[in-house]
Each structure stands twice: as C-alpha cells, then as structure tokens.
C-alpha atoms as a PDB file:
ATOM      1  CA  UNK A   1      98.096 116.203  79.219  1.00  0.00           C
ATOM      2  CA  UNK A   2     101.097 115.576  81.389  1.00  0.00           C
ATOM      3  CA  UNK A   3     101.497 112.980  84.094  1.00  0.00           C
ATOM      4  CA  UNK A   4     103.955 111.439  86.508  1.00  0.00           C
ATOM      5  CA  UNK A   5     106.137 108.495  85.520  1.00  0.00           C
ATOM      6  CA  UNK A   6     108.984 106.606  87.153  1.00  0.00           C
ATOM      7  CA  UNK A   7     111.525 104.294  85.608  1.00  0.00           C
ATOM      8  CA  UNK A   8     110.731 100.580  85.734  1.00  0.00           C
ATOM      9  CA  UNK A   9     114.105 100.123  87.461  1.00  0.00           C
ATOM     10  CA  UNK A  10     113.081 102.282  90.463  1.00  0.00           C
ATOM     11  CA  UNK A  11     112.468  99.689  93.172  1.00  0.00           C
ATOM     12  CA  UNK A  12     110.088 101.650  95.417  1.00  0.00           C
ATOM     13  CA  UNK A  13     108.710 104.731  93.664  1.00  0.00           C
ATOM     14  CA  UNK A  14     106.125 107.088  95.131  1.00  0.00           C
ATOM     15  CA  UNK A  15     104.576 110.452  94.411  1.00  0.00           C
ATOM     16  CA  UNK A  16     103.674 112.846  97.216  1.00  0.00           C
ATOM     17  CA  UNK A  17     101.322 115.773  97.601  1.00  0.00           C
ATOM     18  CA  UNK A  18     101.536 118.436 100.314  1.00  0.00           C
ATOM     19  CA  UNK A  19      98.050 119.773 101.090  1.00  0.00           C
ATOM     20  CA  UNK A  20      99.671 122.677 103.052  1.00  0.00           C
ATOM     21  CA  UNK A  21      97.606 121.851 106.153  1.00  0.00           C
ATOM     22  CA  UNK A  22      95.943 118.731 107.529  1.00  0.00           C
ATOM     23  CA  UNK A  23      92.635 117.751 105.928  1.00  0.00           C
ATOM     24  CA  UNK A  24      90.204 114.865 106.018  1.00  0.00           C
ATOM     25  CA  UNK A  25      91.141 112.950 102.866  1.00  0.00           C
ATOM     26  CA  UNK A  26      88.228 110.946 101.509  1.00  0.00           C
ATOM     27  CA  UNK A  27      89.078 109.862  97.957  1.00  0.00           C
ATOM     28  CA  UNK A  28      91.993 109.232  95.606  1.00  0.00           C
ATOM     29  CA  UNK A  29      91.288 109.548  91.875  1.00  0.00           C
ATOM     30  CA  UNK A  30      93.718 108.298  89.221  1.00  0.00           C
ATOM     31  CA  UNK A  31      94.059 108.292  85.453  1.00  0.00           C
ATOM     32  CA  UNK A  32      96.571 106.670  83.150  1.00  0.00           C
ATOM     33  CA  UNK A  33      97.830 108.274  79.975  1.00  0.00           C
ATOM     34  CA  UNK A  34      98.365 107.652  76.301  1.00  0.00           C
ATOM     35  CA  UNK A  35     102.070 107.576  75.584  1.00  0.00           C
ATOM     36  CA  UNK A  36     103.890 107.776  72.292  1.00  0.00           C
ATOM     37  CA  UNK A  37     102.060 106.170  69.360  1.00  0.00           C
ATOM     38  CA  UNK A  38      98.890 106.183  71.515  1.00  0.00           C
ATOM     39  CA  UNK A  39     100.326 103.393  73.698  1.00  0.00           C
ATOM     40  CA  UNK A  40      98.406 103.145  76.956  1.00  0.00           C
ATOM     41  CA  UNK A  41     100.328 103.468  80.227  1.00  0.00           C
ATOM     42  CA  UNK A  42      98.715 103.188  83.644  1.00  0.00           C
ATOM     43  CA  UNK A  43      99.029 102.081  87.250  1.00  0.00           C
ATOM     44  CA  UNK A  44      96.908  98.993  87.948  1.00  0.00           C
ATOM     45  CA  UNK A  45      97.311  98.842  91.741  1.00  0.00           C
ATOM     46  CA  UNK A  46      98.745 101.100  94.420  1.00  0.00           C
ATOM     47  CA  UNK A  47      99.005 101.667  98.157  1.00  0.00           C
ATOM     48  CA  UNK A  48      98.709 104.894 100.148  1.00  0.00           C
ATOM     49  CA  UNK A  49     100.732 106.273 103.038  1.00  0.00           C
ATOM     50  CA  UNK A  50     100.030 109.524 104.859  1.00  0.00           C
ATOM     51  CA  UNK A  51     101.435 111.903 107.449  1.00  0.00           C
ATOM     52  CA  UNK A  52     100.524 115.084 109.287  1.00  0.00           C
ATOM     53  CA  UNK A  53     104.149 116.263 109.635  1.00  0.00           C
ATOM     54  CA  UNK A  54     106.247 114.370 107.005  1.00  0.00           C
ATOM     55  CA  UNK A  55     108.324 112.761 109.774  1.00  0.00           C
ATOM     56  CA  UNK A  56     106.007 109.960 110.881  1.00  0.00           C
ATOM     57  CA  UNK A  57     104.214 108.027 108.132  1.00  0.00           C
ATOM     58  CA  UNK A  58     101.294 105.620 108.353  1.00  0.00           C
ATOM     59  CA  UNK A  59     100.325 103.064 105.741  1.00  0.00           C
ATOM     60  CA  UNK A  60      96.604 103.002 105.030  1.00  0.00           C
ATOM     61  CA  UNK A  61      95.201  99.682 106.268  1.00  0.00           C
ATOM     62  CA  UNK A  62      91.884  97.864 106.334  1.00  0.00           C
ATOM     63  CA  UNK A  63      91.306  95.032 108.797  1.00  0.00           C
ATOM     64  CA  UNK A  64      94.938  95.306 109.906  1.00  0.00           C
ATOM     65  CA  UNK A  65      96.379  94.754 106.417  1.00  0.00           C
ATOM     66  CA  UNK A  66      97.910  97.211 103.993  1.00  0.00           C
ATOM     67  CA  UNK A  67      95.139  98.186 101.575  1.00  0.00           C
ATOM     68  CA  UNK A  68      95.922  97.596  97.900  1.00  0.00           C
ATOM     69  CA  UNK A  69      93.766  99.899  95.803  1.00  0.00           C
ATOM     70  CA  UNK A  70      92.610  98.903  92.327  1.00  0.00           C
ATOM     71  CA  UNK A  71      93.707 101.602  89.922  1.00  0.00           C
ATOM     72  CA  UNK A  72      93.284 101.958  86.204  1.00  0.00           C
ATOM     73  CA  UNK A  73      92.625  99.438  83.456  1.00  0.00           C
ATOM     74  CA  UNK A  74      93.249 101.832  80.575  1.00  0.00           C
ATOM     75  CA  UNK A  75      95.091 105.035  79.833  1.00  0.00           C
ATOM     76  CA  UNK A  76      92.056 107.313  79.639  1.00  0.00           C
ATOM     77  CA  UNK A  77      89.322 106.782  82.236  1.00  0.00           C
ATOM     78  CA  UNK A  78      89.280 108.159  85.785  1.00  0.00           C
ATOM     79  CA  UNK A  79      89.046 105.701  88.686  1.00  0.00           C
ATOM     80  CA  UNK A  80      88.016 106.865  92.167  1.00  0.00           C
ATOM     81  CA  UNK A  81      88.817 104.999  95.376  1.00  0.00           C
ATOM     82  CA  UNK A  82      87.078 106.143  98.541  1.00  0.00           C
ATOM     83  CA  UNK A  83      88.675 105.483 101.910  1.00  0.00           C
ATOM     84  CA  UNK A  84      86.598 103.285 104.205  1.00  0.00           C
ATOM     85  CA  UNK A  85      87.335 105.908 106.876  1.00  0.00           C
ATOM     86  CA  UNK A  86      88.704 109.370 106.004  1.00  0.00           C
ATOM     87  CA  UNK A  87      92.374 109.852 106.802  1.00  0.00           C
ATOM     88  CA  UNK A  88      93.684 112.928 108.584  1.00  0.00           C
ATOM     89  CA  UNK A  89      96.759 114.081 106.657  1.00  0.00           C
ATOM     90  CA  UNK A  90      98.733 116.965 105.287  1.00  0.00           C
ATOM     91  CA  UNK A  91     100.986 114.725 103.165  1.00  0.00           C
ATOM     92  CA  UNK A  92      99.760 111.831 101.026  1.00  0.00           C
ATOM     93  CA  UNK A  93     101.955 109.403  99.105  1.00  0.00           C
ATOM     94  CA  UNK A  94     100.795 107.081  96.372  1.00  0.00           C
ATOM     95  CA  UNK A  95     102.992 103.993  95.869  1.00  0.00           C
ATOM     96  CA  UNK A  96     102.428 102.295  92.475  1.00  0.00           C
ATOM     97  CA  UNK A  97     102.583  98.494  92.702  1.00  0.00           C
ATOM     98  CA  UNK A  98     101.411  96.936  89.439  1.00  0.00           C
ATOM     99  CA  UNK A  99     101.406  98.797  86.155  1.00  0.00           C
ATOM    100  CA  UNK A 100     100.828  98.378  82.455  1.00  0.00           C
ATOM    101  CA  UNK A 101     103.624  99.424  80.105  1.00  0.00           C
ATOM    102  CA  UNK A 102     105.010 102.067  82.480  1.00  0.00           C
ATOM    103  CA  UNK A 103     104.442 103.359  86.041  1.00  0.00           C
ATOM    104  CA  UNK A 104     102.469 106.378  84.921  1.00  0.00           C
ATOM    105  CA  UNK A 105      99.573 108.244  86.455  1.00  0.00           C
ATOM    106  CA  UNK A 106      97.733 111.466  86.983  1.00  0.00           C
ATOM    107  CA  UNK A 107      95.945 111.828  90.306  1.00  0.00           C
ATOM    108  CA  UNK A 108      93.745 113.904  92.562  1.00  0.00           C
ATOM    109  CA  UNK A 109      93.484 113.851  96.337  1.00  0.00           C
ATOM    110  CA  UNK A 110      89.957 114.782  97.355  1.00  0.00           C
ATOM    111  CA  UNK A 111      89.350 116.304 100.781  1.00  0.00           C
ATOM    112  CA  UNK A 112      86.396 117.538 102.768  1.00  0.00           C
END
C-alpha cells in the first residue's frame, strides 16, 4: 500500500485533494503505514484548511481556535475525525503537525 510522505526538513508540508466541485465535507480518515523493516510511520496530529476556489483558504476552527485533530497512534489502524459542523469545500488540505518516525499518511475525505 502506498502513501504520502514529506521530508522531515520540510517546514510546512501539506497534502491537498480537489473534489472537482464543492461538497459538504463531514469526516477525515487517516492511516499510517509500515515502512521498511516493518517500521511504523504515522501522523499523530494535523490541522485542516479548505477552500471553494483555491484562492481563498480558511483554517478549520472550533471555538475560534485552530482545531488540532488527533491522528494515528500506529501505522495500521484507520482513525476518523468528524467535523463538528460540515465544511463546504472543493479543496481540502491536511497539514501534518506531529508525527512518529516520518510524516506519512494515507487519507480519505468523506462527503455527503
């Protein structure tokens, strides 16, 4: 299984999905991965930004503060984070914050 990974030296990495049209995004699901020699790699925390046009971006907040989502604690199991309120977006960016071994993840953006 493949995944996305950025170098530890990249100061502000992110991965973006284009949903091709605006949707109500309700959930982000993430997985880590097993690297070489079965070494676990995963993203422990992340933030989300979103846009309807890719020009103007909003950071997802709760109670006026940037929401830090709890991600994975191993390289295998899926973790789902539901938004407190659905976001309206065509573009969604996931910004890894804390990680184990390497900034690595697989992810799904779930819409309704």
